[in-house]
Amino acid sequence: MSTLSPTHRQYKQILSGNPSKKELWEIIHDFMHVYSAEGVKEELWLLTVGTLSGDHMEQVKDGIRRHNRLFFYEHSILFIDAVNQLYRQHEKKKKKRKSKS
C-alpha cells in the first residue's frame, strides 16, 4: 500500500529510470514547496526519536545500530540543507530571468 498521490507515484517511476534535469527540479520544487527545511528536519527528528525509543525496534538495541540511525538522521539533514539552498538559488535565478524579460 502506498500513501503517494498519482503525481508522486509518477515521480517515483521517473526516479527509477533516467530522469532529466528538468524532471529532477520538478520533484525538488514539489517537495520544497510543501515542506520547509525546518519542517523536514522536525519530521525526521520525530521519526528518529520514535524509532530509537521504541522497545519493538530490534535494529536499535545495540550501539552500532543506534549510531547508524543517528548518522542517517544527521546525514539527511545535511542533504536537506544542500537541496534547500540549491532550490532557493534556482528560484532566485528564475525570478531574476523573469524580471529581465
N, C-alpha and C. Protein backbone atom coordinates (compact mmCIF):
# COMPACT_ATOMS: atom_id res chain seq x y z
N MET A 1 0.84 -1.17 0.00
CA MET A 1 0.00 0.00 0.00
C MET A 1 0.89 1.25 0.00
N SER A 2 0.51 2.22 -0.80
CA SER A 2 1.27 3.46 -0.89
C SER A 2 0.38 4.64 -0.51
N THR A 3 0.97 5.58 0.18
CA THR A 3 0.24 6.81 0.52
C THR A 3 0.48 7.90 -0.52
N LEU A 4 1.29 7.59 -1.53
CA LEU A 4 1.63 8.58 -2.54
C LEU A 4 0.46 8.85 -3.48
N SER A 5 0.33 10.12 -3.86
CA SER A 5 -0.68 10.50 -4.84
C SER A 5 -0.23 9.98 -6.21
N PRO A 6 -1.12 10.00 -7.20
CA PRO A 6 -0.70 9.59 -8.55
C PRO A 6 0.50 10.39 -9.07
N THR A 7 0.53 11.69 -8.79
CA THR A 7 1.67 12.52 -9.22
C THR A 7 2.95 12.04 -8.58
N HIS A 8 2.90 11.72 -7.28
CA HIS A 8 4.11 11.28 -6.57
C HIS A 8 4.51 9.87 -6.97
N ARG A 9 3.55 9.05 -7.33
CA ARG A 9 3.90 7.72 -7.85
C ARG A 9 4.60 7.86 -9.20
N GLN A 10 4.17 8.86 -9.98
CA GLN A 10 4.84 9.15 -11.26
C GLN A 10 6.27 9.61 -11.00
N TYR A 11 6.46 10.45 -9.99
CA TYR A 11 7.82 10.88 -9.64
C TYR A 11 8.69 9.68 -9.29
N LYS A 12 8.12 8.76 -8.54
CA LYS A 12 8.87 7.55 -8.17
C LYS A 12 9.28 6.77 -9.40
N GLN A 13 8.36 6.67 -10.35
CA GLN A 13 8.64 5.99 -11.61
C GLN A 13 9.74 6.72 -12.38
N ILE A 14 9.67 8.04 -12.43
CA ILE A 14 10.67 8.84 -13.12
C ILE A 14 12.05 8.60 -12.50
N LEU A 15 12.11 8.58 -11.18
CA LEU A 15 13.39 8.40 -10.48
C LEU A 15 13.98 7.01 -10.69
N SER A 16 13.14 6.04 -11.00
CA SER A 16 13.66 4.69 -11.22
C SER A 16 14.27 4.53 -12.62
N GLY A 17 14.04 5.53 -13.47
CA GLY A 17 14.61 5.49 -14.82
C GLY A 17 15.81 6.39 -14.93
N ASN A 18 15.85 7.15 -16.00
CA ASN A 18 16.94 8.08 -16.24
C ASN A 18 16.34 9.49 -16.34
N PRO A 19 16.06 10.13 -15.19
CA PRO A 19 15.35 11.41 -15.21
C PRO A 19 16.20 12.54 -15.79
N SER A 20 15.49 13.46 -16.43
CA SER A 20 16.16 14.66 -16.94
C SER A 20 16.35 15.64 -15.79
N LYS A 21 17.19 16.63 -16.03
CA LYS A 21 17.43 17.67 -15.02
C LYS A 21 16.12 18.39 -14.71
N LYS A 22 15.31 18.65 -15.75
CA LYS A 22 14.03 19.32 -15.57
C LYS A 22 13.11 18.48 -14.66
N GLU A 23 13.06 17.19 -14.88
CA GLU A 23 12.21 16.32 -14.05
C GLU A 23 12.69 16.31 -12.59
N LEU A 24 14.00 16.28 -12.41
CA LEU A 24 14.55 16.30 -11.05
C LEU A 24 14.20 17.61 -10.36
N TRP A 25 14.33 18.74 -11.06
CA TRP A 25 13.97 20.02 -10.47
C TRP A 25 12.49 20.08 -10.14
N GLU A 26 11.66 19.46 -10.97
CA GLU A 26 10.22 19.43 -10.71
C GLU A 26 9.93 18.71 -9.39
N ILE A 27 10.62 17.60 -9.17
CA ILE A 27 10.43 16.84 -7.93
C ILE A 27 10.92 17.64 -6.73
N ILE A 28 12.09 18.26 -6.87
CA ILE A 28 12.63 19.09 -5.78
C ILE A 28 11.68 20.25 -5.50
N HIS A 29 11.21 20.90 -6.55
CA HIS A 29 10.28 22.03 -6.38
C HIS A 29 9.02 21.59 -5.64
N ASP A 30 8.47 20.46 -6.05
CA ASP A 30 7.26 19.95 -5.40
C ASP A 30 7.50 19.74 -3.90
N PHE A 31 8.61 19.11 -3.56
CA PHE A 31 8.91 18.82 -2.16
C PHE A 31 9.14 20.10 -1.36
N MET A 32 9.98 20.99 -1.89
CA MET A 32 10.33 22.21 -1.16
C MET A 32 9.16 23.18 -1.08
N HIS A 33 8.23 23.07 -2.00
CA HIS A 33 7.04 23.91 -1.97
C HIS A 33 6.11 23.51 -0.82
N VAL A 34 6.10 22.22 -0.51
CA VAL A 34 5.22 21.70 0.54
C VAL A 34 5.88 21.79 1.92
N TYR A 35 7.16 21.45 2.00
CA TYR A 35 7.85 21.38 3.29
C TYR A 35 8.98 22.41 3.36
N SER A 36 9.08 23.09 4.48
CA SER A 36 10.25 23.94 4.70
C SER A 36 11.39 23.04 5.16
N ALA A 37 12.61 23.52 5.05
CA ALA A 37 13.76 22.73 5.51
C ALA A 37 13.61 22.42 7.00
N GLU A 38 13.17 23.40 7.78
CA GLU A 38 12.99 23.17 9.22
C GLU A 38 11.88 22.15 9.48
N GLY A 39 10.82 22.19 8.68
CA GLY A 39 9.74 21.22 8.83
C GLY A 39 10.21 19.80 8.56
N VAL A 40 11.04 19.65 7.54
CA VAL A 40 11.59 18.33 7.22
C VAL A 40 12.48 17.83 8.35
N LYS A 41 13.31 18.73 8.88
CA LYS A 41 14.19 18.34 9.98
C LYS A 41 13.38 17.89 11.19
N GLU A 42 12.31 18.61 11.47
CA GLU A 42 11.47 18.25 12.62
C GLU A 42 10.83 16.88 12.42
N GLU A 43 10.30 16.65 11.21
CA GLU A 43 9.67 15.35 10.93
C GLU A 43 10.69 14.22 11.04
N LEU A 44 11.88 14.43 10.48
CA LEU A 44 12.93 13.41 10.58
C LEU A 44 13.30 13.14 12.04
N TRP A 45 13.38 14.21 12.82
CA TRP A 45 13.72 14.05 14.23
C TRP A 45 12.65 13.23 14.96
N LEU A 46 11.38 13.53 14.70
CA LEU A 46 10.30 12.79 15.34
C LEU A 46 10.34 11.31 14.95
N LEU A 47 10.62 11.04 13.68
CA LEU A 47 10.75 9.65 13.24
C LEU A 47 11.94 8.97 13.92
N THR A 48 13.04 9.70 14.03
CA THR A 48 14.24 9.15 14.66
C THR A 48 14.00 8.86 16.13
N VAL A 49 13.43 9.81 16.84
CA VAL A 49 13.15 9.62 18.27
C VAL A 49 12.19 8.45 18.46
N GLY A 50 11.16 8.39 17.63
CA GLY A 50 10.21 7.29 17.74
C GLY A 50 10.86 5.94 17.50
N THR A 51 11.77 5.91 16.54
CA THR A 51 12.48 4.66 16.24
C THR A 51 13.40 4.27 17.38
N LEU A 52 14.17 5.22 17.87
CA LEU A 52 15.17 4.90 18.90
C LEU A 52 14.55 4.63 20.26
N SER A 53 13.37 5.18 20.52
CA SER A 53 12.78 4.98 21.84
C SER A 53 11.80 3.81 21.88
N GLY A 54 11.50 3.24 20.72
CA GLY A 54 10.55 2.12 20.68
C GLY A 54 11.20 0.81 21.12
N ASP A 55 10.58 0.13 22.05
CA ASP A 55 11.09 -1.16 22.51
C ASP A 55 11.01 -2.23 21.42
N HIS A 56 10.13 -2.04 20.48
CA HIS A 56 9.92 -3.01 19.42
C HIS A 56 10.98 -2.96 18.32
N MET A 57 11.88 -2.01 18.39
CA MET A 57 12.87 -1.83 17.33
C MET A 57 14.16 -2.57 17.65
N GLU A 58 14.25 -3.81 17.21
CA GLU A 58 15.44 -4.63 17.43
C GLU A 58 16.68 -3.99 16.81
N GLN A 59 16.48 -3.26 15.68
CA GLN A 59 17.61 -2.68 14.97
C GLN A 59 18.37 -1.62 15.76
N VAL A 60 17.80 -1.11 16.85
CA VAL A 60 18.47 -0.03 17.57
C VAL A 60 18.87 -0.43 18.99
N LYS A 61 18.82 -1.72 19.29
CA LYS A 61 19.14 -2.14 20.65
C LYS A 61 20.64 -2.17 20.90
N ASP A 62 21.45 -2.37 19.88
CA ASP A 62 22.89 -2.31 20.14
C ASP A 62 23.45 -0.98 19.66
N GLY A 63 24.58 -0.62 20.21
CA GLY A 63 25.16 0.71 20.00
C GLY A 63 25.44 1.07 18.56
N ILE A 64 26.02 0.15 17.78
CA ILE A 64 26.39 0.48 16.41
C ILE A 64 25.15 0.72 15.55
N ARG A 65 24.11 -0.04 15.77
CA ARG A 65 22.87 0.16 15.00
C ARG A 65 22.20 1.49 15.38
N ARG A 66 22.22 1.80 16.65
CA ARG A 66 21.66 3.07 17.10
C ARG A 66 22.47 4.22 16.50
N HIS A 67 23.79 4.09 16.52
CA HIS A 67 24.67 5.09 15.94
C HIS A 67 24.37 5.26 14.45
N ASN A 68 24.17 4.18 13.74
CA ASN A 68 23.88 4.25 12.31
C ASN A 68 22.58 5.01 12.03
N ARG A 69 21.59 4.83 12.88
CA ARG A 69 20.32 5.56 12.71
C ARG A 69 20.52 7.06 12.95
N LEU A 70 21.28 7.39 13.97
CA LEU A 70 21.56 8.81 14.24
C LEU A 70 22.39 9.42 13.12
N PHE A 71 23.34 8.65 12.61
CA PHE A 71 24.15 9.14 11.50
C PHE A 71 23.25 9.40 10.28
N PHE A 72 22.34 8.49 10.00
CA PHE A 72 21.41 8.68 8.89
C PHE A 72 20.62 9.98 9.06
N TYR A 73 20.13 10.21 10.27
CA TYR A 73 19.38 11.43 10.55
C TYR A 73 20.25 12.66 10.26
N GLU A 74 21.46 12.69 10.82
CA GLU A 74 22.33 13.85 10.66
C GLU A 74 22.75 14.04 9.20
N HIS A 75 23.02 12.93 8.52
CA HIS A 75 23.41 13.00 7.11
C HIS A 75 22.23 13.50 6.27
N SER A 76 21.03 13.07 6.60
CA SER A 76 19.83 13.53 5.89
C SER A 76 19.63 15.03 6.06
N ILE A 77 19.93 15.54 7.24
CA ILE A 77 19.82 16.97 7.49
C ILE A 77 20.77 17.74 6.57
N LEU A 78 21.99 17.26 6.41
CA LEU A 78 22.94 17.90 5.50
C LEU A 78 22.40 17.90 4.08
N PHE A 79 21.86 16.77 3.66
CA PHE A 79 21.29 16.65 2.33
C PHE A 79 20.13 17.63 2.13
N ILE A 80 19.25 17.68 3.11
CA ILE A 80 18.09 18.57 3.02
C ILE A 80 18.53 20.03 2.95
N ASP A 81 19.52 20.40 3.76
CA ASP A 81 20.02 21.77 3.71
C ASP A 81 20.63 22.10 2.35
N ALA A 82 21.39 21.16 1.79
CA ALA A 82 22.01 21.38 0.48
C ALA A 82 20.95 21.52 -0.60
N VAL A 83 19.97 20.63 -0.61
CA VAL A 83 18.90 20.71 -1.60
C VAL A 83 18.10 22.00 -1.42
N ASN A 84 17.84 22.36 -0.18
CA ASN A 84 17.09 23.59 0.08
C ASN A 84 17.83 24.81 -0.46
N GLN A 85 19.14 24.88 -0.23
CA GLN A 85 19.91 26.02 -0.72
C GLN A 85 19.96 26.02 -2.25
N LEU A 86 20.14 24.85 -2.84
CA LEU A 86 20.15 24.73 -4.29
C LEU A 86 18.81 25.19 -4.86
N TYR A 87 17.74 24.77 -4.23
CA TYR A 87 16.39 25.15 -4.67
C TYR A 87 16.20 26.66 -4.56
N ARG A 88 16.58 27.25 -3.44
CA ARG A 88 16.43 28.70 -3.25
C ARG A 88 17.23 29.49 -4.29
N GLN A 89 18.46 29.04 -4.55
CA GLN A 89 19.28 29.71 -5.56
C GLN A 89 18.63 29.61 -6.94
N HIS A 90 18.11 28.43 -7.24
CA HIS A 90 17.44 28.21 -8.52
C HIS A 90 16.22 29.12 -8.67
N GLU A 91 15.42 29.20 -7.62
CA GLU A 91 14.22 30.05 -7.66
C GLU A 91 14.59 31.53 -7.81
N LYS A 92 15.66 31.94 -7.14
CA LYS A 92 16.12 33.33 -7.23
C LYS A 92 16.55 33.66 -8.66
N LYS A 93 17.30 32.73 -9.28
CA LYS A 93 17.74 32.93 -10.66
C LYS A 93 16.54 33.00 -11.60
N LYS A 94 15.55 32.15 -11.37
CA LYS A 94 14.35 32.15 -12.22
C LYS A 94 13.64 33.50 -12.13
N LYS A 95 13.52 34.03 -10.92
CA LYS A 95 12.86 35.32 -10.74
C LYS A 95 13.63 36.44 -11.43
N LYS A 96 14.96 36.41 -11.35
CA LYS A 96 15.78 37.43 -11.99
C LYS A 96 15.59 37.37 -13.51
N ARG A 97 15.57 36.13 -14.06
CA ARG A 97 15.39 35.98 -15.50
C ARG A 97 14.03 36.50 -15.94
N LYS A 98 13.01 36.25 -15.14
CA LYS A 98 11.66 36.71 -15.48
C LYS A 98 11.58 38.24 -15.43
N SER A 99 12.25 38.83 -14.45
CA SER A 99 12.18 40.29 -14.31
C SER A 99 12.94 40.99 -15.43
N LYS A 100 13.95 40.34 -15.99
CA LYS A 100 14.73 40.92 -17.10
C LYS A 100 13.98 40.87 -18.41
N SER A 101 13.07 39.90 -18.54
CA SER A 101 12.37 39.76 -19.83
C SER A 101 11.08 40.52 -19.88
